[in-house]
């Protein structure tokens, strides 16, 4: 079947994960996504997989994840001839995705005002670290800094003021890319209604605030300061994590505690806890949460995780086994729901599916990410450049082909 976004051309002048992640989802649904890279080593994101403490290996898993189904065009954006190529691309493009700083966009002459003047139907999607206003517009921002640290998320998971938890690679970038994708889709819908393009803006700072919105909203409402609980000194023993006899852990979450507590106690073969005066009533459980947590810790420590999984599942008790990334790739529920997809041109190799599905519009099966400049000649020919002109641009080092 034809992809839903077949016929949509996306020009991606961006790097790393945040905004290119939105392009990945568009490519999954059939859009032609042209990733613009600089001559020489190309997009610096190609080298991220070598940075420690990221997992080390031979395969470029970072590039593979976010650049599948895309085309690589290598062009010197700073040159006049390279600028002409970008303008030729943009004239017939539907979407331009970028996360360059405003000053860089101005220097390269690819601001919204400049590009919308030659293509009024263009959707201009701009992602930033800290937004487009204020003193920190030009401040470099990654998800670890703008999304995780700046918005209170990093502090909110530090019990007792202990060691701060580092964000994992892409932990804020990929969720933020979904917001960017949604904004682009909304802008395309607006174009369908009005016939005109528009500018879509989003930032890691705004997405981080949205991710931490419950705690920030509490602060806006003057509520008490959130104090991250520890496992042992928790204020709610039935929303807590517990270690089992084999060293594995699970996260217990009884959101509907008043209705679920008695059933829970029966399920784990401790009905005595439901009638214990210290725990029988909700208020008493709160006052004695640390005591109950200690009892449950000892109890759950007597059997392996698999045994508790069966008991909790059989009794419809809400919990989540705490898995490693290596275990996630063999998680049968993930496999059954198509979370991992195989590359069509590399049988046996898999990548992570984007998290949106439309019943009547299947996504394309991924193809491997492009080598540097793999599609430069093809794209220039599509713009009407003949062999002589392309050869001249290559000789001038304005473009680079694989």
Protein backbone atom coordinates (compact mmCIF):
# COMPACT_ATOMS: atom_id res chain seq x y z
CA UNK A 1 0.00 0.00 0.00
CA UNK A 2 1.06 3.60 -0.58
CA UNK A 3 2.27 5.24 2.62
CA UNK A 4 0.05 7.92 4.10
CA UNK A 5 2.76 10.56 3.62
CA UNK A 6 3.82 9.35 0.17
CA UNK A 7 4.48 12.42 -1.97
CA UNK A 8 5.44 14.60 1.01
CA UNK A 9 9.01 15.89 0.71
CA UNK A 10 10.87 16.78 3.90
CA UNK A 11 14.16 18.66 3.92
CA UNK A 12 15.98 17.97 7.18
CA UNK A 13 18.69 20.47 8.10
CA UNK A 14 19.22 19.21 11.62
CA UNK A 15 21.47 17.05 13.72
CA UNK A 16 21.38 14.58 16.59
CA UNK A 17 18.03 13.23 17.77
CA UNK A 18 15.36 15.75 18.74
CA UNK A 19 14.17 17.12 15.39
CA UNK A 20 15.55 14.35 13.13
CA UNK A 21 13.45 11.96 15.25
CA UNK A 22 10.34 13.68 13.90
CA UNK A 23 11.66 13.13 10.39
CA UNK A 24 12.12 9.45 11.18
CA UNK A 25 8.43 9.07 11.98
CA UNK A 26 7.49 10.91 8.78
CA UNK A 27 9.77 8.60 6.79
CA UNK A 28 8.15 5.58 8.46
CA UNK A 29 4.82 6.72 7.04
CA UNK A 30 6.20 7.15 3.54
CA UNK A 31 7.51 10.71 3.32
CA UNK A 32 10.68 11.37 1.34
CA UNK A 33 13.09 12.73 3.94
CA UNK A 34 16.28 14.34 2.64
CA UNK A 35 18.84 14.70 5.40
CA UNK A 36 21.28 17.50 4.58
CA UNK A 37 24.86 16.99 5.76
CA UNK A 38 28.06 18.99 5.54
CA UNK A 39 31.04 17.91 3.39
CA UNK A 40 33.80 15.96 5.05
CA UNK A 41 32.57 13.86 7.97
CA UNK A 42 28.91 14.75 7.53
CA UNK A 43 26.44 14.92 10.38
CA UNK A 44 28.32 14.66 13.72
CA UNK A 45 25.53 12.38 14.95
CA UNK A 46 27.15 9.66 12.83
CA UNK A 47 29.93 9.49 15.43
CA UNK A 48 27.85 9.59 18.63
CA UNK A 49 27.85 5.81 19.14
CA UNK A 50 31.57 5.97 19.95
CA UNK A 51 31.04 8.33 22.89
CA UNK A 52 31.28 6.80 26.36
CA UNK A 53 29.46 5.84 28.52
CA UNK A 54 27.20 4.74 25.65
CA UNK A 55 27.23 1.01 24.85
CA UNK A 56 30.27 0.17 22.73
CA UNK A 57 30.05 -1.94 19.59
CA UNK A 58 30.86 -2.12 15.91
CA UNK A 59 27.44 -1.14 14.58
CA UNK A 60 26.40 2.52 14.41
CA UNK A 61 23.17 1.99 16.33
CA UNK A 62 22.51 5.71 16.91
CA UNK A 63 22.56 6.53 13.20
CA UNK A 64 20.68 3.35 12.38
CA UNK A 65 17.84 4.25 14.73
CA UNK A 66 17.15 7.81 13.61
CA UNK A 67 18.27 7.86 9.98
CA UNK A 68 16.54 4.82 8.52
CA UNK A 69 14.44 5.39 5.41
CA UNK A 70 16.16 8.74 4.75
CA UNK A 71 18.31 10.08 1.93
CA UNK A 72 21.67 11.80 2.43
CA UNK A 73 22.48 14.98 0.55
CA UNK A 74 25.90 16.50 1.24
CA UNK A 75 26.11 20.21 0.45
CA UNK A 76 28.14 23.16 1.71
CA UNK A 77 25.43 25.36 3.20
CA UNK A 78 27.82 28.28 3.66
CA UNK A 79 28.60 28.65 -0.05
CA UNK A 80 26.46 30.60 -2.50
CA UNK A 81 26.18 27.60 -4.80
CA UNK A 82 25.18 25.38 -1.89
CA UNK A 83 22.57 27.94 -0.85
CA UNK A 84 21.13 27.82 -4.36
CA UNK A 85 20.75 24.04 -4.04
CA UNK A 86 18.85 24.43 -0.76
CA UNK A 87 16.55 27.02 -2.32
CA UNK A 88 15.89 24.69 -5.25
CA UNK A 89 15.02 21.92 -2.77
CA UNK A 90 12.76 24.11 -0.67
CA UNK A 91 10.74 25.45 -3.62
CA UNK A 92 8.95 22.12 -3.96
CA UNK A 93 9.31 20.86 -0.40
CA UNK A 94 6.42 20.40 2.00
CA UNK A 95 8.33 20.49 5.27
CA UNK A 96 11.67 21.84 6.44
CA UNK A 97 12.95 20.47 9.76
CA UNK A 98 15.77 22.21 11.59
CA UNK A 99 17.23 22.63 15.06
CA UNK A 100 19.91 25.18 14.21
CA UNK A 101 20.25 28.27 16.39
CA UNK A 102 18.49 31.41 15.09
CA UNK A 103 21.83 33.12 14.46
CA UNK A 104 23.00 30.17 12.34
CA UNK A 105 19.76 30.10 10.38
CA UNK A 106 20.18 33.82 9.76
CA UNK A 107 23.80 33.43 8.63
CA UNK A 108 22.82 30.58 6.27
CA UNK A 109 19.88 32.61 4.95
CA UNK A 110 17.39 29.83 5.68
CA UNK A 111 15.10 31.54 8.19
CA UNK A 112 11.35 31.05 8.02
CA UNK A 113 10.82 34.48 6.50
CA UNK A 114 13.38 33.83 3.76
CA UNK A 115 12.17 30.34 2.83
CA UNK A 116 8.44 30.96 3.13
CA UNK A 117 8.88 33.85 0.69
CA UNK A 118 9.86 31.39 -2.04
CA UNK A 119 7.45 28.65 -0.92
CA UNK A 120 4.36 29.97 0.88
CA UNK A 121 3.10 26.40 1.41
CA UNK A 122 6.19 25.35 3.35
CA UNK A 123 5.82 23.96 6.86
CA UNK A 124 8.88 25.26 8.72
CA UNK A 125 9.52 23.13 11.82
CA UNK A 126 12.04 24.63 14.23
CA UNK A 127 13.20 22.87 17.40
CA UNK A 128 15.35 24.58 20.00
CA UNK A 129 16.89 23.80 23.36
CA UNK A 130 15.50 26.72 25.33
CA UNK A 131 12.88 28.33 23.10
CA UNK A 132 12.95 31.23 20.64
CA UNK A 133 12.72 34.07 23.16
CA UNK A 134 14.73 35.29 26.13
CA UNK A 135 18.41 35.63 26.88
CA UNK A 136 19.17 31.93 26.36
CA UNK A 137 17.96 31.62 22.77
CA UNK A 138 21.47 30.83 21.54
CA UNK A 139 22.40 28.58 24.45
CA UNK A 140 23.32 25.02 23.39
CA UNK A 141 20.70 22.63 24.68
CA UNK A 142 20.55 18.84 24.79
CA UNK A 143 17.92 16.69 26.39
CA UNK A 144 20.29 15.99 29.30
CA UNK A 145 20.47 19.72 30.07
CA UNK A 146 17.35 21.49 28.80
CA UNK A 147 14.86 18.61 29.17
CA UNK A 148 16.20 16.58 32.10
CA UNK A 149 18.17 18.93 34.34
CA UNK A 150 16.52 22.32 33.81
CA UNK A 151 12.87 21.31 34.26
CA UNK A 152 13.07 19.60 37.64
CA UNK A 153 12.96 16.05 36.32
CA UNK A 154 16.52 15.26 37.37
CA UNK A 155 15.96 16.54 40.89
CA UNK A 156 12.58 14.79 41.22
CA UNK A 157 14.12 11.31 41.08
CA UNK A 158 16.81 11.94 43.70
CA UNK A 159 15.67 10.51 47.05
CA UNK A 160 17.09 12.07 50.23
CA UNK A 161 19.17 14.48 48.16
CA UNK A 162 21.36 11.57 47.09
CA UNK A 163 23.33 11.09 43.91
CA UNK A 164 21.72 12.57 40.84
CA UNK A 165 20.56 10.19 38.12
CA UNK A 166 21.92 10.78 34.63
CA UNK A 167 19.50 10.70 31.73
CA UNK A 168 20.03 7.98 29.17
CA UNK A 169 20.89 8.87 25.58
CA UNK A 170 17.84 10.19 23.76
CA UNK A 171 15.60 9.83 26.82
CA UNK A 172 14.17 13.30 26.33
CA UNK A 173 14.96 13.70 22.63
CA UNK A 174 12.74 10.91 21.37
CA UNK A 175 9.60 11.89 23.35
CA UNK A 176 10.20 15.50 22.29
CA UNK A 177 10.51 14.39 18.67
CA UNK A 178 6.99 13.00 18.93
CA UNK A 179 5.76 16.43 19.98
CA UNK A 180 7.56 17.88 16.95
CA UNK A 181 5.96 15.25 14.72
CA UNK A 182 2.54 16.09 16.11
CA UNK A 183 3.16 19.78 15.50
CA UNK A 184 4.19 19.13 11.91
CA UNK A 185 1.10 16.99 11.34
CA UNK A 186 -1.06 19.78 12.80
CA UNK A 187 0.64 22.31 10.53
CA UNK A 188 0.02 20.11 7.48
CA UNK A 189 -3.63 19.88 8.48
CA UNK A 190 -3.75 23.69 8.80
CA UNK A 191 -2.32 23.93 5.29
CA UNK A 192 -5.07 21.65 4.00
CA UNK A 193 -7.63 24.06 5.46
CA UNK A 194 -5.99 27.35 4.52
CA UNK A 195 -3.70 26.54 1.58
CA UNK A 196 -0.84 28.25 3.39
CA UNK A 197 2.23 26.99 5.18
CA UNK A 198 3.24 28.07 8.66
CA UNK A 199 5.99 27.83 11.23
CA UNK A 200 5.91 25.19 13.97
CA UNK A 201 8.12 25.68 17.02
CA UNK A 202 8.90 23.45 19.98
CA UNK A 203 11.75 23.14 22.48
CA UNK A 204 13.36 20.62 24.76
CA UNK A 205 12.66 23.00 27.65
CA UNK A 206 8.92 23.07 26.90
CA UNK A 207 8.78 19.32 26.43
CA UNK A 208 10.65 18.74 29.67
CA UNK A 209 8.22 21.00 31.51
CA UNK A 210 5.35 19.04 29.96
CA UNK A 211 6.94 15.77 31.08
CA UNK A 212 7.28 17.15 34.62
CA UNK A 213 3.97 18.99 34.42
CA UNK A 214 2.26 17.40 37.43
CA UNK A 215 4.99 18.49 39.83
CA UNK A 216 5.39 21.90 38.19
CA UNK A 217 1.61 22.41 38.25
CA UNK A 218 1.66 21.54 41.95
CA UNK A 219 4.28 24.25 42.46
CA UNK A 220 2.16 26.71 40.47
CA UNK A 221 -0.75 25.91 42.79
CA UNK A 222 1.30 26.44 45.94
CA UNK A 223 1.28 22.79 47.00
CA UNK A 224 3.89 21.32 49.30
CA UNK A 225 7.33 20.68 47.84
CA UNK A 226 7.65 17.20 46.40
CA UNK A 227 10.10 15.05 48.34
CA UNK A 228 11.25 11.96 46.42
CA UNK A 229 10.75 8.93 48.69
CA UNK A 230 13.28 6.20 49.25
CA UNK A 231 12.33 2.54 48.98
CA UNK A 232 12.50 2.02 52.72
CA UNK A 233 11.23 5.38 53.95
CA UNK A 234 8.36 5.62 51.51
CA UNK A 235 5.12 7.39 52.27
CA UNK A 236 3.20 4.78 50.27
CA UNK A 237 4.28 1.15 50.58
CA UNK A 238 2.02 -0.09 47.78
CA UNK A 239 3.49 2.28 45.20
CA UNK A 240 7.05 1.10 45.64
CA UNK A 241 9.69 -1.23 44.21
CA UNK A 242 10.71 -4.53 45.80
CA UNK A 243 13.64 -6.90 45.38
CA UNK A 244 13.00 -10.64 45.06
CA UNK A 245 15.02 -13.68 46.16
CA UNK A 246 16.94 -13.83 42.87
CA UNK A 247 18.01 -10.20 43.05
CA UNK A 248 15.45 -9.09 40.46
CA UNK A 249 12.93 -6.36 41.27
CA UNK A 250 9.45 -5.20 40.34
CA UNK A 251 7.51 -1.98 40.78
CA UNK A 252 4.19 -2.37 42.60
CA UNK A 253 1.55 0.25 41.76
CA UNK A 254 -1.80 0.06 43.56
CA UNK A 255 -3.35 3.27 42.29
CA UNK A 256 -6.83 2.20 43.43
CA UNK A 257 -5.52 1.27 46.84
CA UNK A 258 -8.80 1.51 48.84
CA UNK A 259 -10.39 -1.13 46.59
CA UNK A 260 -7.26 -3.18 45.91
CA UNK A 261 -5.46 -3.53 49.24
CA UNK A 262 -7.46 -6.46 50.61
CA UNK A 263 -7.21 -8.31 47.28
CA UNK A 264 -3.49 -7.63 47.17
CA UNK A 265 -2.90 -9.00 50.66
CA UNK A 266 -4.87 -12.13 49.81
CA UNK A 267 -2.99 -12.58 46.53
CA UNK A 268 0.44 -12.53 48.17
CA UNK A 269 -0.79 -14.89 50.91
CA UNK A 270 -0.63 -12.28 53.66
CA UNK A 271 -4.31 -11.67 54.54
CA UNK A 272 -3.16 -10.74 58.05
CA UNK A 273 -1.86 -7.42 56.73
CA UNK A 274 -5.36 -6.37 55.69
CA UNK A 275 -6.64 -6.72 59.26
CA UNK A 276 -3.56 -5.47 61.06
CA UNK A 277 -4.59 -2.23 62.86
CA UNK A 278 -1.46 -0.55 61.53
CA UNK A 279 -2.54 -1.11 57.92
CA UNK A 280 -6.29 -1.82 57.87
CA UNK A 281 -7.26 1.78 57.08
CA UNK A 282 -5.72 4.05 54.46
CA UNK A 283 -4.71 6.70 56.98
CA UNK A 284 -3.04 4.06 59.15
CA UNK A 285 -1.14 2.67 56.15
CA UNK A 286 0.16 6.14 55.44
CA UNK A 287 1.29 6.63 59.04
CA UNK A 288 3.00 3.23 59.02
CA UNK A 289 4.14 3.14 55.39
CA UNK A 290 7.79 2.50 56.23
CA UNK A 291 6.84 -0.39 58.52
CA UNK A 292 4.65 -1.96 55.84
CA UNK A 293 7.39 -1.48 53.24
CA UNK A 294 9.82 -3.33 55.49
CA UNK A 295 7.41 -6.24 55.93
CA UNK A 296 6.75 -6.44 52.19
CA UNK A 297 10.47 -6.25 51.42
CA UNK A 298 11.16 -9.26 53.60
CA UNK A 299 8.18 -11.15 52.18
CA UNK A 300 8.96 -10.53 48.53
CA UNK A 301 12.59 -11.42 49.21
CA UNK A 302 11.61 -15.02 49.90
CA UNK A 303 10.70 -15.97 46.30
CA UNK A 304 12.18 -15.25 42.87
CA UNK A 305 10.70 -12.68 40.54
CA UNK A 306 9.10 -15.29 38.25
CA UNK A 307 7.07 -16.66 41.15
CA UNK A 308 5.80 -13.22 42.12
CA UNK A 309 5.06 -12.35 38.50
CA UNK A 310 2.71 -15.31 38.22
CA UNK A 311 0.98 -14.56 41.51
CA UNK A 312 0.49 -10.89 40.73
CA UNK A 313 -0.60 -11.52 37.15
CA UNK A 314 -3.03 -14.27 38.17
CA UNK A 315 -4.67 -11.87 40.61
CA UNK A 316 -4.68 -8.82 38.30
CA UNK A 317 -2.39 -6.82 40.57
CA UNK A 318 -0.74 -3.91 38.78
CA UNK A 319 3.06 -4.12 38.71
CA UNK A 320 5.96 -3.84 36.32
CA UNK A 321 8.99 -6.09 36.24
CA UNK A 322 12.12 -3.95 36.19
CA UNK A 323 13.88 -5.05 33.02
CA UNK A 324 17.25 -4.32 31.51
CA UNK A 325 17.64 -3.03 27.96
CA UNK A 326 18.99 -6.44 26.98
CA UNK A 327 15.83 -8.08 28.32
CA UNK A 328 13.61 -5.60 26.52
CA UNK A 329 14.67 -6.91 23.11
CA UNK A 330 13.32 -10.39 23.94
CA UNK A 331 10.17 -9.16 25.69
CA UNK A 332 7.42 -11.21 24.07
CA UNK A 333 4.79 -8.51 24.60
CA UNK A 334 6.96 -6.02 22.73
CA UNK A 335 7.59 -8.56 19.99
CA UNK A 336 3.89 -9.41 19.66
CA UNK A 337 3.04 -5.73 19.24
CA UNK A 338 5.58 -5.04 16.51
CA UNK A 339 7.80 -2.79 18.58
CA UNK A 340 10.82 -4.24 16.79
CA UNK A 341 10.88 -4.24 12.98
CA UNK A 342 13.31 -5.83 10.57
CA UNK A 343 15.23 -3.92 7.93
CA UNK A 344 14.01 -4.96 4.49
CA UNK A 345 17.51 -4.81 3.03
CA UNK A 346 19.26 -6.44 5.99
CA UNK A 347 17.34 -9.58 7.02
CA UNK A 348 17.76 -10.39 10.68
CA UNK A 349 18.68 -6.84 11.70
CA UNK A 350 16.03 -5.00 13.65
CA UNK A 351 15.27 -1.50 14.86
CA UNK A 352 12.65 0.09 17.11
CA UNK A 353 9.35 0.96 15.51
CA UNK A 354 7.94 4.46 15.91
CA UNK A 355 5.13 4.43 18.51
CA UNK A 356 2.14 5.40 16.34
CA UNK A 357 0.06 3.07 14.18
CA UNK A 358 -2.86 3.85 11.87
CA UNK A 359 -5.11 0.93 11.05
CA UNK A 360 -5.51 1.59 7.33
CA UNK A 361 -2.10 3.13 6.68
CA UNK A 362 0.78 0.74 7.40
CA UNK A 363 4.29 2.06 7.75
CA UNK A 364 7.04 1.19 5.33
CA UNK A 365 9.48 -1.51 6.31
CA UNK A 366 12.74 0.19 7.27
CA UNK A 367 15.73 0.33 4.98
CA UNK A 368 19.23 0.90 6.29
CA UNK A 369 20.33 4.49 6.90
CA UNK A 370 22.22 6.22 4.10
CA UNK A 371 25.95 6.39 3.72
CA UNK A 372 27.39 9.89 3.55
CA UNK A 373 26.24 11.55 0.33
CA UNK A 374 24.60 8.36 -0.93
CA UNK A 375 21.76 10.24 -2.62
CA UNK A 376 23.47 13.52 -3.55
CA UNK A 377 23.61 12.80 -7.29
CA UNK A 378 20.09 11.37 -7.38
CA UNK A 379 18.62 14.41 -5.61
CA UNK A 380 20.47 16.91 -7.77
CA UNK A 381 19.36 15.10 -10.92
CA UNK A 382 15.80 15.29 -9.63
CA UNK A 383 16.22 19.05 -9.34
CA UNK A 384 17.22 19.19 -13.01
CA UNK A 385 20.99 19.41 -12.61
CA UNK A 386 22.85 17.72 -15.46
CA UNK A 387 26.00 15.61 -15.13
CA UNK A 388 28.32 18.47 -16.07
CA UNK A 389 26.86 20.78 -13.46
CA UNK A 390 26.99 18.11 -10.78
CA UNK A 391 30.61 17.30 -11.64
CA UNK A 392 31.47 21.01 -11.41
CA UNK A 393 29.82 21.26 -7.97
CA UNK A 394 31.76 18.24 -6.81
CA UNK A 395 35.01 19.68 -8.13
CA UNK A 396 34.32 22.90 -6.19
CA UNK A 397 33.58 20.78 -3.09
CA UNK A 398 30.11 22.28 -2.85
CA UNK A 399 28.55 18.82 -2.83
CA UNK A 400 29.81 15.36 -2.04
CA UNK A 401 28.61 12.03 -3.38
CA UNK A 402 29.15 8.61 -1.89
